[in-house]
Amino acid sequence: MKRKYLFLGMVLVLSACSLSNEERAKKEQQRLKAEQQLQIQLAQQCDGQTADLIAQQFNPPADQTLEQKQKFDEKYAQKVGNPMFQACFDLLTSLKGGDSY
């Protein structure tokens, strides 16, 4: 009888300690948002316009047309692909231990 209650108690404790899928998803969303903010902040130190484009890449306008998206993609690729920006950003991310854009 005691074993049954001990087992039941252990199950309750373990289930209370584990995160629900909703909590995991929320934590992952928070982690992703923090990572994106760090990338934008680091990019801002290299080039403000490129940082703005990276921020827009993470949060595109809802009403963006296909033509606007194509123009944005071209400008984004040009600015982010700039060797000077890449060198600066890579240096900063290596110092911060962050990921790339």
N, C-alpha and C. Protein backbone atom coordinates (compact mmCIF):
# COMPACT_ATOMS: atom_id res chain seq x y z
N MET A 1 0.82 -1.20 0.00
CA MET A 1 0.00 0.00 0.00
C MET A 1 0.86 1.26 0.00
N LYS A 2 1.92 1.25 0.83
CA LYS A 2 2.81 2.41 0.90
C LYS A 2 3.52 2.62 -0.44
N ARG A 3 3.86 1.51 -1.09
CA ARG A 3 4.53 1.62 -2.40
C ARG A 3 3.63 2.32 -3.41
N LYS A 4 2.37 2.00 -3.36
CA LYS A 4 1.42 2.60 -4.30
C LYS A 4 1.36 4.10 -4.10
N TYR A 5 1.29 4.55 -2.85
CA TYR A 5 1.25 5.99 -2.57
C TYR A 5 2.57 6.68 -2.89
N LEU A 6 3.67 5.98 -2.63
CA LEU A 6 4.99 6.52 -2.96
C LEU A 6 5.12 6.72 -4.46
N PHE A 7 4.70 5.70 -5.21
CA PHE A 7 4.76 5.80 -6.67
C PHE A 7 3.86 6.92 -7.17
N LEU A 8 2.65 7.00 -6.64
CA LEU A 8 1.72 8.05 -7.03
C LEU A 8 2.28 9.42 -6.71
N GLY A 9 2.90 9.57 -5.55
CA GLY A 9 3.51 10.84 -5.16
C GLY A 9 4.64 11.23 -6.10
N MET A 10 5.45 10.24 -6.47
CA MET A 10 6.57 10.53 -7.39
C MET A 10 6.04 10.96 -8.76
N VAL A 11 5.00 10.33 -9.24
CA VAL A 11 4.41 10.69 -10.52
C VAL A 11 3.87 12.11 -10.47
N LEU A 12 3.20 12.46 -9.39
CA LEU A 12 2.65 13.81 -9.26
C LEU A 12 3.75 14.86 -9.22
N VAL A 13 4.83 14.58 -8.50
CA VAL A 13 5.94 15.53 -8.41
C VAL A 13 6.60 15.70 -9.77
N LEU A 14 6.84 14.62 -10.45
CA LEU A 14 7.49 14.70 -11.77
C LEU A 14 6.61 15.41 -12.78
N SER A 15 5.32 15.14 -12.75
CA SER A 15 4.43 15.80 -13.71
C SER A 15 4.30 17.29 -13.40
N ALA A 16 4.37 17.66 -12.14
CA ALA A 16 4.29 19.07 -11.77
C ALA A 16 5.55 19.82 -12.19
N CYS A 17 6.68 19.13 -12.22
CA CYS A 17 7.96 19.78 -12.56
C CYS A 17 8.16 19.92 -14.07
N SER A 18 7.55 19.07 -14.84
CA SER A 18 7.76 19.15 -16.29
C SER A 18 6.96 20.30 -16.89
N LEU A 19 7.50 20.83 -17.96
CA LEU A 19 6.83 21.94 -18.64
C LEU A 19 5.78 21.41 -19.61
N SER A 20 4.69 22.11 -19.69
CA SER A 20 3.68 21.74 -20.68
C SER A 20 4.16 22.16 -22.07
N ASN A 21 3.54 21.62 -23.09
CA ASN A 21 3.91 22.00 -24.45
C ASN A 21 3.72 23.49 -24.67
N GLU A 22 2.68 24.05 -24.10
CA GLU A 22 2.42 25.49 -24.23
C GLU A 22 3.54 26.30 -23.57
N GLU A 23 3.98 25.85 -22.40
CA GLU A 23 5.06 26.56 -21.70
C GLU A 23 6.38 26.45 -22.48
N ARG A 24 6.63 25.27 -23.04
CA ARG A 24 7.85 25.09 -23.86
C ARG A 24 7.82 26.01 -25.08
N ALA A 25 6.67 26.06 -25.73
CA ALA A 25 6.54 26.91 -26.92
C ALA A 25 6.74 28.38 -26.56
N LYS A 26 6.20 28.79 -25.42
CA LYS A 26 6.35 30.18 -24.98
C LYS A 26 7.81 30.49 -24.68
N LYS A 27 8.50 29.57 -24.00
CA LYS A 27 9.92 29.78 -23.70
C LYS A 27 10.75 29.84 -24.99
N GLU A 28 10.43 28.97 -25.93
CA GLU A 28 11.15 28.96 -27.20
C GLU A 28 10.91 30.26 -27.96
N GLN A 29 9.69 30.76 -27.95
CA GLN A 29 9.37 32.03 -28.60
C GLN A 29 10.14 33.18 -27.95
N GLN A 30 10.22 33.17 -26.62
CA GLN A 30 10.97 34.21 -25.90
C GLN A 30 12.45 34.13 -26.24
N ARG A 31 12.99 32.91 -26.32
CA ARG A 31 14.40 32.73 -26.65
C ARG A 31 14.69 33.25 -28.07
N LEU A 32 13.81 32.91 -29.00
CA LEU A 32 13.98 33.35 -30.38
C LEU A 32 13.91 34.87 -30.48
N LYS A 33 12.96 35.48 -29.79
CA LYS A 33 12.80 36.95 -29.81
C LYS A 33 14.05 37.61 -29.23
N ALA A 34 14.59 37.07 -28.15
CA ALA A 34 15.80 37.63 -27.54
C ALA A 34 17.00 37.49 -28.48
N GLU A 35 17.09 36.36 -29.17
CA GLU A 35 18.17 36.14 -30.13
C GLU A 35 18.06 37.15 -31.29
N GLN A 36 16.86 37.36 -31.78
CA GLN A 36 16.65 38.32 -32.86
C GLN A 36 17.01 39.74 -32.41
N GLN A 37 16.61 40.10 -31.20
CA GLN A 37 16.93 41.43 -30.68
C GLN A 37 18.44 41.62 -30.56
N LEU A 38 19.14 40.59 -30.13
CA LEU A 38 20.60 40.67 -30.03
C LEU A 38 21.21 40.87 -31.42
N GLN A 39 20.73 40.15 -32.40
CA GLN A 39 21.25 40.30 -33.76
C GLN A 39 21.01 41.71 -34.28
N ILE A 40 19.85 42.26 -34.00
CA ILE A 40 19.54 43.63 -34.45
C ILE A 40 20.46 44.63 -33.74
N GLN A 41 20.66 44.45 -32.45
CA GLN A 41 21.53 45.35 -31.69
C GLN A 41 22.97 45.29 -32.20
N LEU A 42 23.45 44.09 -32.48
CA LEU A 42 24.81 43.96 -33.00
C LEU A 42 24.91 44.58 -34.40
N ALA A 43 23.91 44.33 -35.23
CA ALA A 43 23.91 44.91 -36.58
C ALA A 43 23.88 46.43 -36.52
N GLN A 44 23.17 46.98 -35.55
CA GLN A 44 23.08 48.43 -35.38
C GLN A 44 24.46 49.05 -35.16
N GLN A 45 25.33 48.33 -34.51
CA GLN A 45 26.69 48.82 -34.26
C GLN A 45 27.52 48.86 -35.54
N CYS A 46 27.11 48.06 -36.53
CA CYS A 46 27.84 48.03 -37.80
C CYS A 46 27.23 48.96 -38.82
N ASP A 47 25.91 48.93 -38.96
CA ASP A 47 25.23 49.76 -39.96
C ASP A 47 23.75 49.86 -39.60
N GLY A 48 23.28 51.05 -39.36
CA GLY A 48 21.89 51.27 -38.94
C GLY A 48 20.87 50.84 -39.96
N GLN A 49 21.12 51.13 -41.25
CA GLN A 49 20.16 50.74 -42.29
C GLN A 49 20.04 49.22 -42.39
N THR A 50 21.16 48.54 -42.30
CA THR A 50 21.14 47.08 -42.37
C THR A 50 20.41 46.51 -41.16
N ALA A 51 20.62 47.10 -40.01
CA ALA A 51 19.92 46.66 -38.80
C ALA A 51 18.41 46.81 -38.97
N ASP A 52 17.99 47.91 -39.56
CA ASP A 52 16.57 48.12 -39.82
C ASP A 52 16.02 47.05 -40.77
N LEU A 53 16.81 46.69 -41.77
CA LEU A 53 16.37 45.65 -42.71
C LEU A 53 16.28 44.29 -42.02
N ILE A 54 17.22 44.00 -41.15
CA ILE A 54 17.18 42.73 -40.41
C ILE A 54 15.94 42.70 -39.52
N ALA A 55 15.64 43.82 -38.87
CA ALA A 55 14.44 43.89 -38.03
C ALA A 55 13.19 43.66 -38.87
N GLN A 56 13.16 44.25 -40.07
CA GLN A 56 12.00 44.06 -40.95
C GLN A 56 11.93 42.62 -41.45
N GLN A 57 13.08 41.99 -41.65
CA GLN A 57 13.09 40.59 -42.08
C GLN A 57 12.45 39.71 -41.00
N PHE A 58 12.73 40.02 -39.74
CA PHE A 58 12.16 39.26 -38.63
C PHE A 58 10.66 39.54 -38.46
N ASN A 59 10.24 40.77 -38.78
CA ASN A 59 8.85 41.18 -38.60
C ASN A 59 8.35 41.89 -39.86
N PRO A 60 8.10 41.14 -40.92
CA PRO A 60 7.67 41.78 -42.17
C PRO A 60 6.28 42.40 -42.05
N PRO A 61 6.04 43.48 -42.81
CA PRO A 61 4.71 44.10 -42.79
C PRO A 61 3.66 43.12 -43.32
N ALA A 62 2.52 43.11 -42.68
CA ALA A 62 1.46 42.17 -43.07
C ALA A 62 0.90 42.47 -44.46
N ASP A 63 0.91 43.74 -44.84
CA ASP A 63 0.32 44.14 -46.11
C ASP A 63 1.34 44.27 -47.24
N GLN A 64 2.48 43.67 -47.10
CA GLN A 64 3.54 43.77 -48.10
C GLN A 64 3.15 43.01 -49.37
N THR A 65 3.27 43.68 -50.51
CA THR A 65 2.95 43.04 -51.78
C THR A 65 4.13 42.19 -52.24
N LEU A 66 3.90 41.37 -53.23
CA LEU A 66 4.96 40.53 -53.78
C LEU A 66 6.08 41.39 -54.36
N GLU A 67 5.71 42.46 -55.05
CA GLU A 67 6.71 43.37 -55.63
C GLU A 67 7.55 44.03 -54.53
N GLN A 68 6.89 44.48 -53.48
CA GLN A 68 7.62 45.08 -52.36
C GLN A 68 8.55 44.07 -51.71
N LYS A 69 8.08 42.83 -51.57
CA LYS A 69 8.88 41.76 -50.97
C LYS A 69 10.11 41.50 -51.81
N GLN A 70 9.96 41.48 -53.14
CA GLN A 70 11.09 41.24 -54.02
C GLN A 70 12.12 42.37 -53.92
N LYS A 71 11.65 43.61 -53.90
CA LYS A 71 12.56 44.75 -53.75
C LYS A 71 13.26 44.70 -52.40
N PHE A 72 12.50 44.38 -51.37
CA PHE A 72 13.10 44.26 -50.04
C PHE A 72 14.17 43.18 -50.02
N ASP A 73 13.87 42.02 -50.60
CA ASP A 73 14.82 40.91 -50.62
C ASP A 73 16.12 41.29 -51.32
N GLU A 74 16.01 42.04 -52.41
CA GLU A 74 17.20 42.48 -53.14
C GLU A 74 18.05 43.42 -52.28
N LYS A 75 17.38 44.40 -51.67
CA LYS A 75 18.09 45.36 -50.83
C LYS A 75 18.70 44.66 -49.61
N TYR A 76 17.93 43.76 -49.01
CA TYR A 76 18.41 43.01 -47.84
C TYR A 76 19.66 42.22 -48.19
N ALA A 77 19.62 41.49 -49.30
CA ALA A 77 20.76 40.67 -49.73
C ALA A 77 21.98 41.55 -49.99
N GLN A 78 21.75 42.71 -50.61
CA GLN A 78 22.86 43.63 -50.91
C GLN A 78 23.49 44.15 -49.62
N LYS A 79 22.66 44.61 -48.69
CA LYS A 79 23.18 45.21 -47.46
C LYS A 79 23.82 44.16 -46.54
N VAL A 80 23.13 43.04 -46.34
CA VAL A 80 23.65 42.01 -45.45
C VAL A 80 24.87 41.31 -46.07
N GLY A 81 24.89 41.23 -47.38
CA GLY A 81 26.00 40.59 -48.07
C GLY A 81 27.22 41.47 -48.24
N ASN A 82 27.12 42.74 -47.85
CA ASN A 82 28.26 43.66 -47.97
C ASN A 82 29.42 43.13 -47.13
N PRO A 83 30.60 42.97 -47.74
CA PRO A 83 31.74 42.41 -47.02
C PRO A 83 32.12 43.19 -45.74
N MET A 84 32.00 44.52 -45.80
CA MET A 84 32.34 45.30 -44.60
C MET A 84 31.34 45.02 -43.47
N PHE A 85 30.06 44.94 -43.83
CA PHE A 85 29.06 44.63 -42.81
C PHE A 85 29.30 43.23 -42.25
N GLN A 86 29.52 42.27 -43.12
CA GLN A 86 29.73 40.90 -42.66
C GLN A 86 30.94 40.80 -41.74
N ALA A 87 32.02 41.47 -42.08
CA ALA A 87 33.22 41.44 -41.24
C ALA A 87 32.92 42.02 -39.86
N CYS A 88 32.25 43.16 -39.84
CA CYS A 88 31.90 43.81 -38.58
C CYS A 88 30.96 42.92 -37.76
N PHE A 89 29.90 42.44 -38.39
CA PHE A 89 28.90 41.64 -37.69
C PHE A 89 29.51 40.34 -37.17
N ASP A 90 30.32 39.68 -38.01
CA ASP A 90 30.95 38.43 -37.59
C ASP A 90 31.89 38.66 -36.41
N LEU A 91 32.60 39.77 -36.43
CA LEU A 91 33.48 40.10 -35.31
C LEU A 91 32.66 40.29 -34.03
N LEU A 92 31.60 41.05 -34.13
CA LEU A 92 30.76 41.30 -32.94
C LEU A 92 30.10 40.02 -32.44
N THR A 93 29.60 39.18 -33.35
CA THR A 93 28.95 37.94 -32.90
C THR A 93 29.97 36.99 -32.28
N SER A 94 31.19 37.00 -32.77
CA SER A 94 32.20 36.12 -32.16
C SER A 94 32.56 36.62 -30.76
N LEU A 95 32.54 37.93 -30.56
CA LEU A 95 32.81 38.49 -29.24
C LEU A 95 31.66 38.21 -28.27
N LYS A 96 30.44 38.26 -28.78
CA LYS A 96 29.24 38.05 -27.95
C LYS A 96 28.88 36.57 -27.84
N GLY A 97 29.43 35.75 -28.71
CA GLY A 97 29.07 34.34 -28.70
C GLY A 97 27.72 34.06 -29.30
N GLY A 98 27.24 34.97 -30.18
CA GLY A 98 25.91 34.84 -30.77
C GLY A 98 25.93 34.12 -32.09
N ASP A 99 24.74 33.96 -32.64
CA ASP A 99 24.57 33.33 -33.95
C ASP A 99 24.58 34.38 -35.04
N SER A 100 24.65 33.92 -36.24
CA SER A 100 24.62 34.81 -37.38
C SER A 100 23.18 35.14 -37.75
N TYR A 101 23.01 36.14 -38.61
CA TYR A 101 21.69 36.56 -39.07
C TYR A 101 21.14 35.50 -39.94
